[in-house]
PDB file of N, CA and C in Angstrom:
ATOM      1  N   MET A   1      15.859 -13.101  -1.584  1.00  0.00           N
ATOM      2  CA  MET A   1      15.078 -11.769  -1.681  1.00  0.00           C
ATOM      3  C   MET A   1      13.744 -12.013  -0.910  1.00  0.00           C
ATOM      4  N   SER A   2      13.478 -10.966   0.057  1.00  0.00           N
ATOM      5  CA  SER A   2      12.239 -11.099   0.749  1.00  0.00           C
ATOM      6  C   SER A   2      11.144 -10.635  -0.131  1.00  0.00           C
ATOM      7  N   GLN A   3       9.960 -11.016   0.310  1.00  0.00           N
ATOM      8  CA  GLN A   3       8.655 -10.643  -0.296  1.00  0.00           C
ATOM      9  C   GLN A   3       8.096  -9.447   0.309  1.00  0.00           C
ATOM     10  N   ARG A   4       7.638  -8.368  -0.398  1.00  0.00           N
ATOM     11  CA  ARG A   4       7.202  -7.104   0.006  1.00  0.00           C
ATOM     12  C   ARG A   4       5.627  -7.069  -0.332  1.00  0.00           C
ATOM     13  N   LEU A   5       4.925  -7.686   0.684  1.00  0.00           N
ATOM     14  CA  LEU A   5       3.351  -7.666   0.357  1.00  0.00           C
ATOM     15  C   LEU A   5       2.843  -6.181   0.683  1.00  0.00           C
ATOM     16  N   HIS A   6       1.734  -5.904  -0.061  1.00  0.00           N
ATOM     17  CA  HIS A   6       1.084  -4.595   0.170  1.00  0.00           C
ATOM     18  C   HIS A   6      -0.358  -4.827  -0.060  1.00  0.00           C
ATOM     19  N   LEU A   7      -1.185  -4.290   0.952  1.00  0.00           N
ATOM     20  CA  LEU A   7      -2.700  -4.463   0.929  1.00  0.00           C
ATOM     21  C   LEU A   7      -3.214  -3.135   0.620  1.00  0.00           C
ATOM     22  N   VAL A   8      -4.181  -3.190  -0.381  1.00  0.00           N
ATOM     23  CA  VAL A   8      -4.832  -1.979  -0.832  1.00  0.00           C
ATOM     24  C   VAL A   8      -6.466  -2.097  -0.278  1.00  0.00           C
ATOM     25  N   PHE A   9      -6.830  -1.032   0.407  1.00  0.00           N
ATOM     26  CA  PHE A   9      -8.066  -1.028   0.978  1.00  0.00           C
ATOM     27  C   PHE A   9      -8.656   0.316   1.085  1.00  0.00           C
ATOM     28  N   GLY A  10      -9.971   0.545   1.366  1.00  0.00           N
ATOM     29  CA  GLY A  10     -10.512   1.920   1.439  1.00  0.00           C
ATOM     30  C   GLY A  10     -11.965   1.751   1.795  1.00  0.00           C
ATOM     31  N   GLY A  11     -12.421   2.956   1.870  1.00  0.00           N
ATOM     32  CA  GLY A  11     -13.938   3.203   2.350  1.00  0.00           C
ATOM     33  C   GLY A  11     -14.333   4.503   2.716  1.00  0.00           C
ATOM     34  N   GLU A  12     -15.522   4.611   3.179  1.00  0.00           N
ATOM     35  CA  GLU A  12     -16.053   5.916   3.489  1.00  0.00           C
ATOM     36  C   GLU A  12     -15.441   6.417   4.858  1.00  0.00           C
ATOM     37  N   LEU A  13     -14.886   7.660   4.940  1.00  0.00           N
ATOM     38  CA  LEU A  13     -14.334   8.166   6.218  1.00  0.00           C
ATOM     39  C   LEU A  13     -15.381   9.090   6.873  1.00  0.00           C
ATOM     40  N   VAL A  14     -15.384   9.122   8.257  1.00  0.00           N
ATOM     41  CA  VAL A  14     -16.058  10.040   9.007  1.00  0.00           C
ATOM     42  C   VAL A  14     -15.870  11.522   8.518  1.00  0.00           C
ATOM     43  N   ASP A  15     -14.512  11.873   8.399  1.00  0.00           N
ATOM     44  CA  ASP A  15     -14.211  13.124   7.988  1.00  0.00           C
ATOM     45  C   ASP A  15     -12.980  12.969   6.981  1.00  0.00           C
ATOM     46  N   PRO A  16     -13.118  13.608   5.795  1.00  0.00           N
ATOM     47  CA  PRO A  16     -12.125  13.369   4.762  1.00  0.00           C
ATOM     48  C   PRO A  16     -10.702  13.867   5.155  1.00  0.00           C
ATOM     49  N   THR A  17     -10.525  14.627   6.129  1.00  0.00           N
ATOM     50  CA  THR A  17      -9.294  15.095   6.666  1.00  0.00           C
ATOM     51  C   THR A  17      -8.626  14.095   7.690  1.00  0.00           C
ATOM     52  N   LYS A  18      -9.277  13.102   8.177  1.00  0.00           N
ATOM     53  CA  LYS A  18      -8.891  12.152   9.132  1.00  0.00           C
ATOM     54  C   LYS A  18      -8.956  10.628   8.536  1.00  0.00           C
ATOM     55  N   THR A  19      -8.493   9.711   9.198  1.00  0.00           N
ATOM     56  CA  THR A  19      -8.408   8.248   8.800  1.00  0.00           C
ATOM     57  C   THR A  19      -9.463   7.318   9.405  1.00  0.00           C
ATOM     58  N   LYS A  20     -10.364   7.775  10.013  1.00  0.00           N
ATOM     59  CA  LYS A  20     -11.386   7.044  10.861  1.00  0.00           C
ATOM     60  C   LYS A  20     -12.558   6.595   9.890  1.00  0.00           C
ATOM     61  N   PHE A  21     -12.681   5.275   9.597  1.00  0.00           N
ATOM     62  CA  PHE A  21     -13.750   4.821   8.898  1.00  0.00           C
ATOM     63  C   PHE A  21     -15.152   4.902   9.381  1.00  0.00           C
ATOM     64  N   LYS A  22     -16.189   5.329   8.677  1.00  0.00           N
ATOM     65  CA  LYS A  22     -17.484   5.508   9.073  1.00  0.00           C
ATOM     66  C   LYS A  22     -18.046   4.302   9.516  1.00  0.00           C
ATOM     67  N   ASP A  23     -17.967   3.132   8.811  1.00  0.00           N
ATOM     68  CA  ASP A  23     -18.223   1.762   9.240  1.00  0.00           C
ATOM     69  C   ASP A  23     -17.145   0.793   8.952  1.00  0.00           C
ATOM     70  N   PRO A  24     -16.376   0.488   9.861  1.00  0.00           N
ATOM     71  CA  PRO A  24     -15.250  -0.435   9.470  1.00  0.00           C
ATOM     72  C   PRO A  24     -15.750  -1.802   8.926  1.00  0.00           C
ATOM     73  N   GLY A  25     -16.908  -2.213   9.130  1.00  0.00           N
ATOM     74  CA  GLY A  25     -17.426  -3.414   8.583  1.00  0.00           C
ATOM     75  C   GLY A  25     -17.706  -3.325   7.049  1.00  0.00           C
ATOM     76  N   LYS A  26     -17.725  -2.103   6.539  1.00  0.00           N
ATOM     77  CA  LYS A  26     -17.818  -2.045   5.072  1.00  0.00           C
ATOM     78  C   LYS A  26     -16.616  -1.531   4.253  1.00  0.00           C
ATOM     79  N   ILE A  27     -15.351  -1.671   4.982  1.00  0.00           N
ATOM     80  CA  ILE A  27     -14.171  -1.428   4.219  1.00  0.00           C
ATOM     81  C   ILE A  27     -14.001  -2.264   3.061  1.00  0.00           C
ATOM     82  N   HIS A  28     -13.704  -1.721   2.047  1.00  0.00           N
ATOM     83  CA  HIS A  28     -13.504  -2.352   0.646  1.00  0.00           C
ATOM     84  C   HIS A  28     -11.891  -2.905   0.557  1.00  0.00           C
ATOM     85  N   ILE A  29     -11.978  -4.279   0.728  1.00  0.00           N
ATOM     86  CA  ILE A  29     -10.594  -4.853   0.579  1.00  0.00           C
ATOM     87  C   ILE A  29     -10.226  -5.019  -0.954  1.00  0.00           C
ATOM     88  N   VAL A  30      -9.432  -4.252  -1.562  1.00  0.00           N
ATOM     89  CA  VAL A  30      -9.035  -4.367  -2.937  1.00  0.00           C
ATOM     90  C   VAL A  30      -8.351  -5.704  -3.211  1.00  0.00           C
ATOM     91  N   GLY A  31      -7.361  -5.827  -2.415  1.00  0.00           N
ATOM     92  CA  GLY A  31      -6.584  -7.016  -2.553  1.00  0.00           C
ATOM     93  C   GLY A  31      -5.106  -6.922  -1.937  1.00  0.00           C
ATOM     94  N   MET A  32      -4.352  -8.024  -2.064  1.00  0.00           N
ATOM     95  CA  MET A  32      -3.030  -8.118  -1.585  1.00  0.00           C
ATOM     96  C   MET A  32      -2.049  -8.151  -2.762  1.00  0.00           C
ATOM     97  N   PHE A  33      -1.152  -7.517  -2.807  1.00  0.00           N
ATOM     98  CA  PHE A  33      -0.177  -7.434  -4.030  1.00  0.00           C
ATOM     99  C   PHE A  33       1.217  -7.620  -3.674  1.00  0.00           C
ATOM    100  N   PRO A  34       2.034  -8.345  -4.540  1.00  0.00           N
ATOM    101  CA  PRO A  34       3.315  -8.756  -4.291  1.00  0.00           C
ATOM    102  C   PRO A  34       4.380  -7.690  -4.430  1.00  0.00           C
ATOM    103  N   ASP A  35       4.140  -6.440  -4.839  1.00  0.00           N
ATOM    104  CA  ASP A  35       4.953  -5.278  -4.890  1.00  0.00           C
ATOM    105  C   ASP A  35       4.271  -4.032  -4.971  1.00  0.00           C
ATOM    106  N   TYR A  36       5.024  -2.953  -4.761  1.00  0.00           N
ATOM    107  CA  TYR A  36       4.489  -1.656  -4.648  1.00  0.00           C
ATOM    108  C   TYR A  36       3.776  -1.160  -5.801  1.00  0.00           C
ATOM    109  N   ASP A  37       4.423  -1.331  -7.060  1.00  0.00           N
ATOM    110  CA  ASP A  37       3.970  -0.951  -8.141  1.00  0.00           C
ATOM    111  C   ASP A  37       2.571  -1.455  -8.578  1.00  0.00           C
ATOM    112  N   SER A  38       2.421  -2.843  -8.415  1.00  0.00           N
ATOM    113  CA  SER A  38       1.007  -3.322  -8.651  1.00  0.00           C
ATOM    114  C   SER A  38       0.022  -2.826  -7.601  1.00  0.00           C
ATOM    115  N   ALA A  39       0.492  -2.799  -6.295  1.00  0.00           N
ATOM    116  CA  ALA A  39      -0.471  -2.101  -5.361  1.00  0.00           C
ATOM    117  C   ALA A  39      -0.859  -0.514  -5.570  1.00  0.00           C
ATOM    118  N   HIS A  40       0.138   0.141  -6.184  1.00  0.00           N
ATOM    119  CA  HIS A  40      -0.197   1.522  -6.625  1.00  0.00           C
ATOM    120  C   HIS A  40      -1.175   1.646  -7.679  1.00  0.00           C
ATOM    121  N   ASN A  41      -0.917   0.749  -8.588  1.00  0.00           N
ATOM    122  CA  ASN A  41      -1.848   0.669  -9.716  1.00  0.00           C
ATOM    123  C   ASN A  41      -3.414   0.423  -9.371  1.00  0.00           C
ATOM    124  N   ALA A  42      -3.463  -0.466  -8.386  1.00  0.00           N
ATOM    125  CA  ALA A  42      -4.802  -0.817  -7.854  1.00  0.00           C
ATOM    126  C   ALA A  42      -5.342   0.226  -7.048  1.00  0.00           C
ATOM    127  N   TRP A  43      -4.486   0.827  -6.217  1.00  0.00           N
ATOM    128  CA  TRP A  43      -5.013   2.031  -5.423  1.00  0.00           C
ATOM    129  C   TRP A  43      -5.267   3.160  -6.183  1.00  0.00           C
ATOM    130  N   LYS A  44      -4.680   3.379  -7.249  1.00  0.00           N
ATOM    131  CA  LYS A  44      -4.976   4.634  -8.252  1.00  0.00           C
ATOM    132  C   LYS A  44      -6.297   4.272  -9.009  1.00  0.00           C
ATOM    133  N   ALA A  45      -6.441   3.111  -9.439  1.00  0.00           N
ATOM    134  CA  ALA A  45      -7.768   2.727 -10.075  1.00  0.00           C
ATOM    135  C   ALA A  45      -9.006   3.015  -9.123  1.00  0.00           C
ATOM    136  N   GLU A  46      -8.845   2.575  -7.933  1.00  0.00           N
ATOM    137  CA  GLU A  46     -10.055   2.678  -7.052  1.00  0.00           C
ATOM    138  C   GLU A  46     -10.038   4.276  -6.757  1.00  0.00           C
ATOM    139  N   ALA A  47      -9.035   4.968  -6.382  1.00  0.00           N
ATOM    140  CA  ALA A  47      -9.002   6.360  -6.098  1.00  0.00           C
ATOM    141  C   ALA A  47      -9.742   7.066  -7.283  1.00  0.00           C
ATOM    142  N   GLN A  48      -9.304   6.679  -8.537  1.00  0.00           N
ATOM    143  CA  GLN A  48     -10.104   7.423  -9.540  1.00  0.00           C
ATOM    144  C   GLN A  48     -11.355   7.110  -9.749  1.00  0.00           C
ATOM    145  N   ARG A  49     -11.878   5.899  -9.490  1.00  0.00           N
ATOM    146  CA  ARG A  49     -13.224   5.365  -9.587  1.00  0.00           C
ATOM    147  C   ARG A  49     -14.059   6.088  -8.510  1.00  0.00           C
ATOM    148  N   THR A  50     -13.491   6.476  -7.568  1.00  0.00           N
ATOM    149  CA  THR A  50     -14.388   7.301  -6.345  1.00  0.00           C
ATOM    150  C   THR A  50     -13.883   8.713  -6.095  1.00  0.00           C
ATOM    151  N   VAL A  51     -13.382   9.297  -7.327  1.00  0.00           N
ATOM    152  CA  VAL A  51     -12.822  10.682  -7.115  1.00  0.00           C
ATOM    153  C   VAL A  51     -14.018  11.675  -6.703  1.00  0.00           C
ATOM    154  N   ASP A  52     -15.168  11.515  -7.175  1.00  0.00           N
ATOM    155  CA  ASP A  52     -16.280  12.302  -6.850  1.00  0.00           C
ATOM    156  C   ASP A  52     -16.797  12.227  -5.431  1.00  0.00           C
ATOM    157  N   ASP A  53     -16.411  11.308  -4.696  1.00  0.00           N
ATOM    158  CA  ASP A  53     -16.822  11.184  -3.317  1.00  0.00           C
ATOM    159  C   ASP A  53     -15.735  11.521  -2.408  1.00  0.00           C
ATOM    160  N   ALA A  54     -15.743  12.548  -1.797  1.00  0.00           N
ATOM    161  CA  ALA A  54     -14.669  13.306  -0.914  1.00  0.00           C
ATOM    162  C   ALA A  54     -14.500  12.429   0.248  1.00  0.00           C
ATOM    163  N   HIS A  55     -15.583  11.742   0.739  1.00  0.00           N
ATOM    164  CA  HIS A  55     -15.427  10.915   2.021  1.00  0.00           C
ATOM    165  C   HIS A  55     -14.839   9.656   1.696  1.00  0.00           C
ATOM    166  N   THR A  56     -14.723   9.175   0.535  1.00  0.00           N
ATOM    167  CA  THR A  56     -14.114   7.820   0.216  1.00  0.00           C
ATOM    168  C   THR A  56     -12.627   7.970  -0.048  1.00  0.00           C
ATOM    169  N   ARG A  57     -11.764   7.144   0.583  1.00  0.00           N
ATOM    170  CA  ARG A  57     -10.371   7.138   0.511  1.00  0.00           C
ATOM    171  C   ARG A  57      -9.776   5.840   0.357  1.00  0.00           C
ATOM    172  N   TYR A  58      -8.758   5.585  -0.286  1.00  0.00           N
ATOM    173  CA  TYR A  58      -8.084   4.171  -0.460  1.00  0.00           C
ATOM    174  C   TYR A  58      -6.663   4.395   0.101  1.00  0.00           C
ATOM    175  N   PHE A  59      -6.151   3.250   0.584  1.00  0.00           N
ATOM    176  CA  PHE A  59      -4.887   3.310   1.252  1.00  0.00           C
ATOM    177  C   PHE A  59      -3.969   2.148   0.773  1.00  0.00           C
ATOM    178  N   ILE A  60      -2.669   2.252   0.927  1.00  0.00           N
ATOM    179  CA  ILE A  60      -1.750   1.079   0.651  1.00  0.00           C
ATOM    180  C   ILE A  60      -1.015   0.841   1.872  1.00  0.00           C
ATOM    181  N   ALA A  61      -1.259  -0.366   2.566  1.00  0.00           N
ATOM    182  CA  ALA A  61      -0.726  -0.808   3.663  1.00  0.00           C
ATOM    183  C   ALA A  61       0.565  -1.680   3.257  1.00  0.00           C
ATOM    184  N   HIS A  62       1.682  -1.367   3.921  1.00  0.00           N
ATOM    185  CA  HIS A  62       2.994  -1.967   3.679  1.00  0.00           C
ATOM    186  C   HIS A  62       3.095  -3.109   4.652  1.00  0.00           C
ATOM    187  N   ILE A  63       2.402  -4.326   4.308  1.00  0.00           N
ATOM    188  CA  ILE A  63       2.354  -5.475   5.136  1.00  0.00           C
ATOM    189  C   ILE A  63       3.755  -5.939   5.552  1.00  0.00           C
ATOM    190  N   HIS A  64       4.680  -5.844   4.799  1.00  0.00           N
ATOM    191  CA  HIS A  64       6.141  -6.236   5.331  1.00  0.00           C
ATOM    192  C   HIS A  64       6.696  -5.438   6.371  1.00  0.00           C
ATOM    193  N   ARG A  65       6.053  -4.309   6.609  1.00  0.00           N
ATOM    194  CA  ARG A  65       6.517  -3.450   7.742  1.00  0.00           C
ATOM    195  C   ARG A  65       5.672  -3.561   9.041  1.00  0.00           C
ATOM    196  N   LEU A  66       4.784  -4.495   9.177  1.00  0.00           N
ATOM    197  CA  LEU A  66       4.033  -4.753  10.356  1.00  0.00           C
ATOM    198  C   LEU A  66       4.935  -5.281  11.257  1.00  0.00           C
ATOM    199  N   ARG A  67       4.641  -5.106  12.481  1.00  0.00           N
ATOM    200  CA  ARG A  67       5.600  -5.646  13.529  1.00  0.00           C
ATOM    201  C   ARG A  67       4.613  -6.068  14.691  1.00  0.00           C
ATOM    202  N   ASP A  68       5.308  -7.017  15.521  1.00  0.00           N
ATOM    203  CA  ASP A  68       4.687  -7.644  16.558  1.00  0.00           C
ATOM    204  C   ASP A  68       4.765  -6.688  17.889  1.00  0.00           C
ATOM    205  N   GLU A  69       3.700  -6.107  18.214  1.00  0.00           N
ATOM    206  CA  GLU A  69       3.696  -5.138  19.260  1.00  0.00           C
ATOM    207  C   GLU A  69       4.242  -5.651  20.748  1.00  0.00           C
ATOM    208  N   ASP A  70       4.038  -6.931  20.856  1.00  0.00           N
ATOM    209  CA  ASP A  70       4.590  -7.498  22.020  1.00  0.00           C
ATOM    210  C   ASP A  70       6.087  -7.749  22.183  1.00  0.00           C
ATOM    211  N   THR A  71       6.700  -7.602  20.964  1.00  0.00           N
ATOM    212  CA  THR A  71       8.177  -7.992  20.812  1.00  0.00           C
ATOM    213  C   THR A  71       8.820  -6.702  20.714  1.00  0.00           C
ATOM    214  N   GLU A  72       9.962  -6.446  21.531  1.00  0.00           N
ATOM    215  CA  GLU A  72      10.707  -5.258  21.526  1.00  0.00           C
ATOM    216  C   GLU A  72      11.425  -4.859  20.220  1.00  0.00           C
ATOM    217  N   SER A  73      11.780  -5.971  19.576  1.00  0.00           N
ATOM    218  CA  SER A  73      12.340  -5.652  18.222  1.00  0.00           C
ATOM    219  C   SER A  73      11.813  -6.803  17.289  1.00  0.00           C
ATOM    220  N   SER A  74      11.057  -6.339  16.190  1.00  0.00           N
ATOM    221  CA  SER A  74      10.338  -7.456  15.362  1.00  0.00           C
ATOM    222  C   SER A  74      11.255  -7.546  14.298  1.00  0.00           C
ATOM    223  N   THR A  75      11.188  -8.931  13.684  1.00  0.00           N
ATOM    224  CA  THR A  75      12.060  -9.204  12.728  1.00  0.00           C
ATOM    225  C   THR A  75      11.844  -8.383  11.429  1.00  0.00           C
ATOM    226  N   THR A  76      10.524  -8.098  11.368  1.00  0.00           N
ATOM    227  CA  THR A  76      10.105  -7.206  10.037  1.00  0.00           C
ATOM    228  C   THR A  76      10.840  -5.865  10.063  1.00  0.00           C
ATOM    229  N   GLU A  77      11.412  -5.352  11.091  1.00  0.00           N
ATOM    230  CA  GLU A  77      12.142  -4.156  11.262  1.00  0.00           C
ATOM    231  C   GLU A  77      13.576  -4.336  10.811  1.00  0.00           C
ATOM    232  N   GLU A  78      13.944  -5.476  10.676  1.00  0.00           N
ATOM    233  CA  GLU A  78      15.348  -5.804  10.189  1.00  0.00           C
ATOM    234  C   GLU A  78      15.388  -6.164   8.726  1.00  0.00           C
ATOM    235  N   LEU A  79      14.355  -6.134   8.044  1.00  0.00           N
ATOM    236  CA  LEU A  79      14.344  -6.549   6.514  1.00  0.00           C
ATOM    237  C   LEU A  79      15.190  -5.428   5.875  1.00  0.00           C
ATOM    238  N   GLY A  80      16.085  -6.107   4.912  1.00  0.00           N
ATOM    239  CA  GLY A  80      16.854  -5.224   4.145  1.00  0.00           C
ATOM    240  C   GLY A  80      16.173  -5.005   2.831  1.00  0.00           C
ATOM    241  N   ASP A  81      16.718  -4.276   1.882  1.00  0.00           N
ATOM    242  CA  ASP A  81      16.280  -4.064   0.496  1.00  0.00           C
ATOM    243  C   ASP A  81      16.295  -5.290  -0.343  1.00  0.00           C
TER     244      ASP A  81
END
């Protein structure tokens, strides 16, 4: 079984309708999680904590989907369920 890592991070955006961070140096790294469910729980907690700040947004990055841009076909694209 392959490992499906997920990164939860967020911070203040320049515009709440876009995904450009105001200060990338201040991105809050919540953590790395071994499965989507635990990442979603962490994301939800941070999103609820900052619900009153429209410019702050949190994301879940599916680390297992990252690819090597210099390689035509990355091995991560071939992962099965």
